[in-house]
């Protein structure tokens, strides 16, 4: 559900205070926990350290990001892999085929030397 046009976009006041009177080249990384804050055109060029729950991830703001939220560019969950028994079997077969290919190339290399 979008925010009411009457209210306007939500931009955290504390984030905007940190930008006042600074240029993108001299500001450095601006740390913030305001993941829900929308990216305003005044933020373009700045580097934000957006908190993901564990640490701050550096996000360089570009023109394309205006209107999105800061939290969209700082994922909170780390993807390990899809898994299960079938996936394990597929990975094992792939590993075996790589080993066989490596042995075959090694054997052909030895044969050329003789």
N, C-alpha and C. Protein backbone atom coordinates (compact mmCIF):
# COMPACT_ATOMS: atom_id res chain seq x y z
N UNK A 1 0.84 -1.17 0.00
CA UNK A 1 0.00 0.00 0.00
C UNK A 1 0.90 1.25 0.00
N UNK A 2 0.63 2.18 -0.85
CA UNK A 2 1.47 3.36 -0.95
C UNK A 2 1.07 4.41 0.06
N UNK A 3 1.97 5.32 0.29
CA UNK A 3 1.71 6.41 1.23
C UNK A 3 0.83 7.46 0.56
N UNK A 4 -0.01 8.12 1.34
CA UNK A 4 -0.92 9.14 0.83
C UNK A 4 -0.15 10.29 0.18
N UNK A 5 -0.61 10.75 -0.96
CA UNK A 5 0.03 11.87 -1.64
C UNK A 5 -0.06 13.14 -0.79
N UNK A 6 -1.10 13.24 0.00
CA UNK A 6 -1.28 14.39 0.88
C UNK A 6 -0.14 14.48 1.90
N UNK A 7 0.30 13.34 2.39
CA UNK A 7 1.37 13.32 3.39
C UNK A 7 2.75 13.51 2.76
N UNK A 8 2.93 13.05 1.55
CA UNK A 8 4.25 13.17 0.91
C UNK A 8 5.15 12.00 1.28
N UNK A 9 6.34 11.93 0.70
CA UNK A 9 7.24 10.80 0.97
C UNK A 9 7.81 10.88 2.39
N UNK A 10 8.09 9.71 2.97
CA UNK A 10 8.69 9.67 4.29
C UNK A 10 10.20 9.70 4.17
N UNK A 11 10.79 10.80 4.60
CA UNK A 11 12.24 10.93 4.65
C UNK A 11 12.59 11.28 6.08
N UNK A 12 13.42 10.46 6.71
CA UNK A 12 13.76 10.66 8.11
C UNK A 12 14.46 12.01 8.31
N UNK A 13 14.01 12.77 9.28
CA UNK A 13 14.56 14.10 9.53
C UNK A 13 16.02 14.04 9.96
N UNK A 14 16.37 13.03 10.74
CA UNK A 14 17.75 12.92 11.22
C UNK A 14 18.71 12.66 10.07
N UNK A 15 18.26 11.90 9.06
CA UNK A 15 19.10 11.64 7.89
C UNK A 15 19.30 12.93 7.11
N UNK A 16 18.24 13.71 6.95
CA UNK A 16 18.35 14.96 6.20
C UNK A 16 19.22 15.98 6.94
N UNK A 17 19.19 15.97 8.29
CA UNK A 17 20.03 16.87 9.08
C UNK A 17 21.51 16.59 8.82
N UNK A 18 21.84 15.32 8.65
CA UNK A 18 23.24 14.93 8.42
C UNK A 18 23.73 15.40 7.06
N UNK A 19 22.81 15.66 6.11
CA UNK A 19 23.19 16.07 4.77
C UNK A 19 23.36 17.58 4.62
N UNK A 20 22.74 18.36 5.52
CA UNK A 20 22.71 19.82 5.38
C UNK A 20 24.13 20.38 5.41
N UNK A 21 24.45 21.17 4.37
CA UNK A 21 25.74 21.86 4.31
C UNK A 21 26.92 20.99 3.93
N UNK A 22 26.68 19.76 3.48
CA UNK A 22 27.77 18.87 3.10
C UNK A 22 27.68 18.55 1.62
N UNK A 23 28.81 18.21 1.05
CA UNK A 23 28.83 17.77 -0.34
C UNK A 23 29.15 16.28 -0.36
N UNK A 24 28.75 15.57 -1.41
CA UNK A 24 28.99 14.12 -1.46
C UNK A 24 30.47 13.73 -1.37
N UNK A 25 31.36 14.60 -1.84
CA UNK A 25 32.78 14.26 -1.81
C UNK A 25 33.38 14.35 -0.41
N UNK A 26 32.90 15.28 0.41
CA UNK A 26 33.50 15.51 1.72
C UNK A 26 32.76 14.81 2.86
N UNK A 27 31.57 14.30 2.62
CA UNK A 27 30.74 13.78 3.71
C UNK A 27 31.23 12.43 4.23
N UNK A 28 31.80 11.59 3.39
CA UNK A 28 32.18 10.25 3.82
C UNK A 28 30.95 9.36 3.92
N UNK A 29 31.03 8.34 4.78
CA UNK A 29 29.91 7.41 4.95
C UNK A 29 29.00 7.93 6.05
N UNK A 30 27.73 8.05 5.75
CA UNK A 30 26.73 8.52 6.72
C UNK A 30 26.00 7.29 7.25
N UNK A 31 26.24 6.95 8.52
CA UNK A 31 25.62 5.77 9.11
C UNK A 31 24.17 6.07 9.47
N UNK A 32 23.29 5.10 9.18
CA UNK A 32 21.88 5.27 9.51
C UNK A 32 21.22 3.93 9.81
N UNK A 33 20.23 3.99 10.67
CA UNK A 33 19.41 2.83 10.98
C UNK A 33 18.01 3.00 10.38
N UNK A 34 17.79 4.11 9.68
CA UNK A 34 16.47 4.45 9.13
C UNK A 34 16.26 3.75 7.80
N UNK A 35 15.99 2.45 7.84
CA UNK A 35 15.80 1.65 6.63
C UNK A 35 14.51 2.02 5.90
N UNK A 36 13.52 2.56 6.63
CA UNK A 36 12.22 2.88 6.04
C UNK A 36 12.22 4.23 5.33
N UNK A 37 13.29 4.98 5.48
CA UNK A 37 13.36 6.31 4.88
C UNK A 37 13.48 6.21 3.36
N UNK A 38 12.69 7.04 2.66
CA UNK A 38 12.77 7.05 1.20
C UNK A 38 13.98 7.87 0.77
N UNK A 39 14.49 7.55 -0.40
CA UNK A 39 15.65 8.26 -0.94
C UNK A 39 15.14 9.49 -1.69
N UNK A 40 15.62 10.66 -1.26
CA UNK A 40 15.23 11.93 -1.87
C UNK A 40 16.28 12.35 -2.90
N UNK A 41 15.92 13.21 -3.83
CA UNK A 41 16.89 13.68 -4.83
C UNK A 41 18.10 14.37 -4.22
N UNK A 42 17.96 14.96 -3.02
CA UNK A 42 19.09 15.63 -2.36
C UNK A 42 20.16 14.64 -1.92
N UNK A 43 19.83 13.36 -1.82
CA UNK A 43 20.76 12.33 -1.34
C UNK A 43 21.66 11.77 -2.43
N UNK A 44 21.40 12.09 -3.68
CA UNK A 44 22.15 11.51 -4.80
C UNK A 44 23.62 11.87 -4.68
N UNK A 45 24.47 10.85 -4.77
CA UNK A 45 25.92 11.04 -4.70
C UNK A 45 26.50 10.71 -3.34
N UNK A 46 25.69 10.75 -2.30
CA UNK A 46 26.17 10.46 -0.95
C UNK A 46 26.30 8.95 -0.75
N UNK A 47 27.14 8.57 0.20
CA UNK A 47 27.31 7.17 0.57
C UNK A 47 26.71 6.96 1.96
N UNK A 48 25.77 6.05 2.06
CA UNK A 48 25.12 5.75 3.33
C UNK A 48 25.56 4.39 3.83
N UNK A 49 25.75 4.28 5.12
CA UNK A 49 25.97 2.99 5.77
C UNK A 49 24.64 2.55 6.34
N UNK A 50 23.92 1.69 5.63
CA UNK A 50 22.58 1.28 6.05
C UNK A 50 22.69 0.02 6.90
N UNK A 51 22.12 0.07 8.09
CA UNK A 51 22.22 -1.05 9.02
C UNK A 51 21.33 -2.20 8.58
N UNK A 52 21.87 -3.43 8.60
CA UNK A 52 21.07 -4.58 8.19
C UNK A 52 20.72 -5.48 9.37
N UNK A 53 20.96 -5.01 10.57
CA UNK A 53 20.68 -5.80 11.77
C UNK A 53 21.94 -6.30 12.42
N UNK A 54 23.02 -6.38 11.65
CA UNK A 54 24.30 -6.85 12.18
C UNK A 54 25.40 -5.82 11.98
N UNK A 55 25.49 -5.28 10.77
CA UNK A 55 26.51 -4.27 10.47
C UNK A 55 25.97 -3.29 9.43
N UNK A 56 26.76 -2.29 9.13
CA UNK A 56 26.35 -1.26 8.16
C UNK A 56 26.89 -1.63 6.78
N UNK A 57 26.01 -1.64 5.79
CA UNK A 57 26.39 -1.94 4.41
C UNK A 57 26.41 -0.62 3.65
N UNK A 58 27.55 -0.35 2.99
CA UNK A 58 27.69 0.91 2.26
C UNK A 58 26.85 0.89 0.99
N UNK A 59 26.06 1.95 0.81
CA UNK A 59 25.20 2.10 -0.36
C UNK A 59 25.48 3.48 -0.96
N UNK A 60 25.92 3.51 -2.22
CA UNK A 60 26.14 4.77 -2.92
C UNK A 60 24.85 5.10 -3.66
N UNK A 61 24.27 6.25 -3.38
CA UNK A 61 22.98 6.63 -3.93
C UNK A 61 23.15 7.17 -5.35
N UNK A 62 22.36 6.63 -6.29
CA UNK A 62 22.38 7.09 -7.68
C UNK A 62 21.00 7.61 -8.05
N UNK A 63 20.89 8.17 -9.24
CA UNK A 63 19.62 8.73 -9.73
C UNK A 63 18.51 7.68 -9.76
N UNK A 64 18.86 6.44 -10.12
CA UNK A 64 17.87 5.38 -10.26
C UNK A 64 17.19 5.02 -8.94
N UNK A 65 17.85 5.30 -7.82
CA UNK A 65 17.36 4.88 -6.51
C UNK A 65 16.35 5.83 -5.90
N UNK A 66 16.18 7.01 -6.47
CA UNK A 66 15.27 8.02 -5.90
C UNK A 66 13.85 7.45 -5.87
N UNK A 67 13.22 7.56 -4.71
CA UNK A 67 11.86 7.05 -4.53
C UNK A 67 11.82 5.69 -3.86
N UNK A 68 12.94 4.97 -3.87
CA UNK A 68 13.01 3.68 -3.19
C UNK A 68 13.37 3.90 -1.72
N UNK A 69 13.36 2.83 -0.94
CA UNK A 69 13.71 2.91 0.47
C UNK A 69 15.18 2.54 0.65
N UNK A 70 15.80 3.06 1.70
CA UNK A 70 17.20 2.74 1.97
C UNK A 70 17.38 1.25 2.27
N UNK A 71 16.41 0.66 2.95
CA UNK A 71 16.50 -0.74 3.34
C UNK A 71 16.48 -1.71 2.18
N UNK A 72 16.00 -1.28 1.01
CA UNK A 72 15.96 -2.17 -0.15
C UNK A 72 17.35 -2.55 -0.63
N UNK A 73 18.34 -1.73 -0.33
CA UNK A 73 19.69 -1.95 -0.84
C UNK A 73 20.62 -2.52 0.22
N UNK A 74 20.07 -2.93 1.34
CA UNK A 74 20.84 -3.52 2.42
C UNK A 74 20.11 -4.78 2.90
N UNK A 75 20.35 -5.94 2.25
CA UNK A 75 19.60 -7.14 2.61
C UNK A 75 19.87 -7.59 4.04
N UNK A 76 18.82 -8.05 4.70
CA UNK A 76 18.93 -8.46 6.10
C UNK A 76 19.16 -9.95 6.25
N UNK A 77 18.94 -10.71 5.22
CA UNK A 77 19.08 -12.16 5.31
C UNK A 77 20.13 -12.64 4.31
N UNK A 78 20.95 -13.59 4.74
CA UNK A 78 21.97 -14.13 3.85
C UNK A 78 21.49 -15.44 3.25
N UNK A 79 21.54 -15.53 1.94
CA UNK A 79 21.11 -16.74 1.25
C UNK A 79 22.26 -17.74 1.26
N UNK A 80 22.03 -18.92 1.78
CA UNK A 80 23.06 -19.96 1.78
C UNK A 80 22.94 -20.77 0.49
N UNK A 81 21.92 -21.59 0.40
CA UNK A 81 21.63 -22.34 -0.83
C UNK A 81 20.33 -23.09 -0.64
N UNK A 82 19.71 -23.45 -1.75
CA UNK A 82 18.58 -24.34 -1.69
C UNK A 82 19.15 -25.73 -1.49
N UNK A 83 18.43 -26.57 -0.82
CA UNK A 83 19.07 -27.84 -0.54
C UNK A 83 18.10 -28.98 -0.46
N UNK A 84 18.54 -29.96 0.25
CA UNK A 84 17.78 -31.18 0.39
C UNK A 84 18.58 -32.34 -0.16
N UNK A 85 17.98 -33.50 -0.11
CA UNK A 85 18.65 -34.73 -0.53
C UNK A 85 18.94 -34.72 -2.03
N UNK A 86 17.98 -34.28 -2.84
CA UNK A 86 18.19 -34.26 -4.29
C UNK A 86 19.32 -33.31 -4.68
N UNK A 87 19.36 -32.16 -4.06
CA UNK A 87 20.40 -31.17 -4.37
C UNK A 87 21.78 -31.73 -4.02
N UNK A 88 21.87 -32.45 -2.90
CA UNK A 88 23.14 -33.02 -2.47
C UNK A 88 23.63 -34.06 -3.49
N UNK A 89 22.71 -34.87 -4.00
CA UNK A 89 23.07 -35.88 -4.99
C UNK A 89 23.55 -35.22 -6.29
N UNK A 90 22.87 -34.17 -6.72
CA UNK A 90 23.28 -33.46 -7.94
C UNK A 90 24.66 -32.85 -7.79
N UNK A 91 24.93 -32.27 -6.64
CA UNK A 91 26.25 -31.68 -6.39
C UNK A 91 27.32 -32.76 -6.38
N UNK A 92 27.03 -33.92 -5.81
CA UNK A 92 28.00 -35.03 -5.75
C UNK A 92 28.32 -35.52 -7.16
N UNK A 93 27.30 -35.68 -8.01
CA UNK A 93 27.52 -36.11 -9.39
C UNK A 93 28.37 -35.10 -10.15
N UNK A 94 28.10 -33.83 -9.94
CA UNK A 94 28.86 -32.79 -10.62
C UNK A 94 30.32 -32.82 -10.18
N UNK A 95 30.54 -33.01 -8.90
CA UNK A 95 31.91 -33.06 -8.39
C UNK A 95 32.66 -34.26 -8.97
N UNK A 96 31.97 -35.41 -9.06
CA UNK A 96 32.60 -36.61 -9.63
C UNK A 96 32.95 -36.40 -11.10
N UNK A 97 32.07 -35.75 -11.85
CA UNK A 97 32.36 -35.51 -13.27
C UNK A 97 33.53 -34.54 -13.44
N UNK A 98 33.66 -33.55 -12.55
CA UNK A 98 34.80 -32.64 -12.61
C UNK A 98 36.10 -33.37 -12.33
N UNK A 99 36.08 -34.27 -11.36
CA UNK A 99 37.28 -35.05 -11.02
C UNK A 99 37.67 -35.94 -12.18
N UNK A 100 36.66 -36.59 -12.80
CA UNK A 100 36.93 -37.46 -13.95
C UNK A 100 37.51 -36.65 -15.12
N UNK A 101 36.99 -35.47 -15.35
CA UNK A 101 37.50 -34.62 -16.43
C UNK A 101 38.94 -34.18 -16.14
N UNK A 102 39.23 -33.87 -14.90
CA UNK A 102 40.59 -33.47 -14.53
C UNK A 102 41.57 -34.62 -14.72
N UNK A 103 41.15 -35.83 -14.34
CA UNK A 103 42.03 -37.01 -14.53
C UNK A 103 42.25 -37.28 -16.01
N UNK A 104 41.20 -37.15 -16.82
CA UNK A 104 41.32 -37.39 -18.25
C UNK A 104 42.28 -36.40 -18.89
N UNK A 105 42.20 -35.15 -18.50
CA UNK A 105 43.11 -34.15 -19.07
C UNK A 105 44.54 -34.38 -18.60
N UNK A 106 44.70 -34.86 -17.38
CA UNK A 106 46.03 -35.15 -16.86
C UNK A 106 46.64 -36.34 -17.59
N UNK A 107 45.82 -37.38 -17.83
CA UNK A 107 46.30 -38.56 -18.54
C UNK A 107 46.68 -38.23 -19.98
N UNK A 108 45.91 -37.39 -20.63
CA UNK A 108 46.22 -37.03 -22.02
C UNK A 108 47.48 -36.16 -22.05
N UNK A 109 47.71 -35.38 -21.01
CA UNK A 109 48.93 -34.57 -20.92
C UNK A 109 50.16 -35.42 -20.73
N UNK A 110 50.03 -36.50 -19.94
CA UNK A 110 51.15 -37.43 -19.70
C UNK A 110 51.47 -38.21 -20.99
N UNK A 111 50.44 -38.57 -21.74
CA UNK A 111 50.64 -39.32 -22.97
C UNK A 111 51.37 -38.48 -24.02
N UNK A 112 51.13 -37.19 -24.05
CA UNK A 112 51.77 -36.32 -25.01
C UNK A 112 53.25 -36.15 -24.69
N UNK A 113 53.60 -36.18 -23.40
CA UNK A 113 54.98 -36.02 -23.00
C UNK A 113 55.85 -37.21 -23.41
N UNK A 114 55.28 -38.43 -23.51
CA UNK A 114 56.03 -39.65 -23.82
C UNK A 114 56.27 -39.79 -25.25
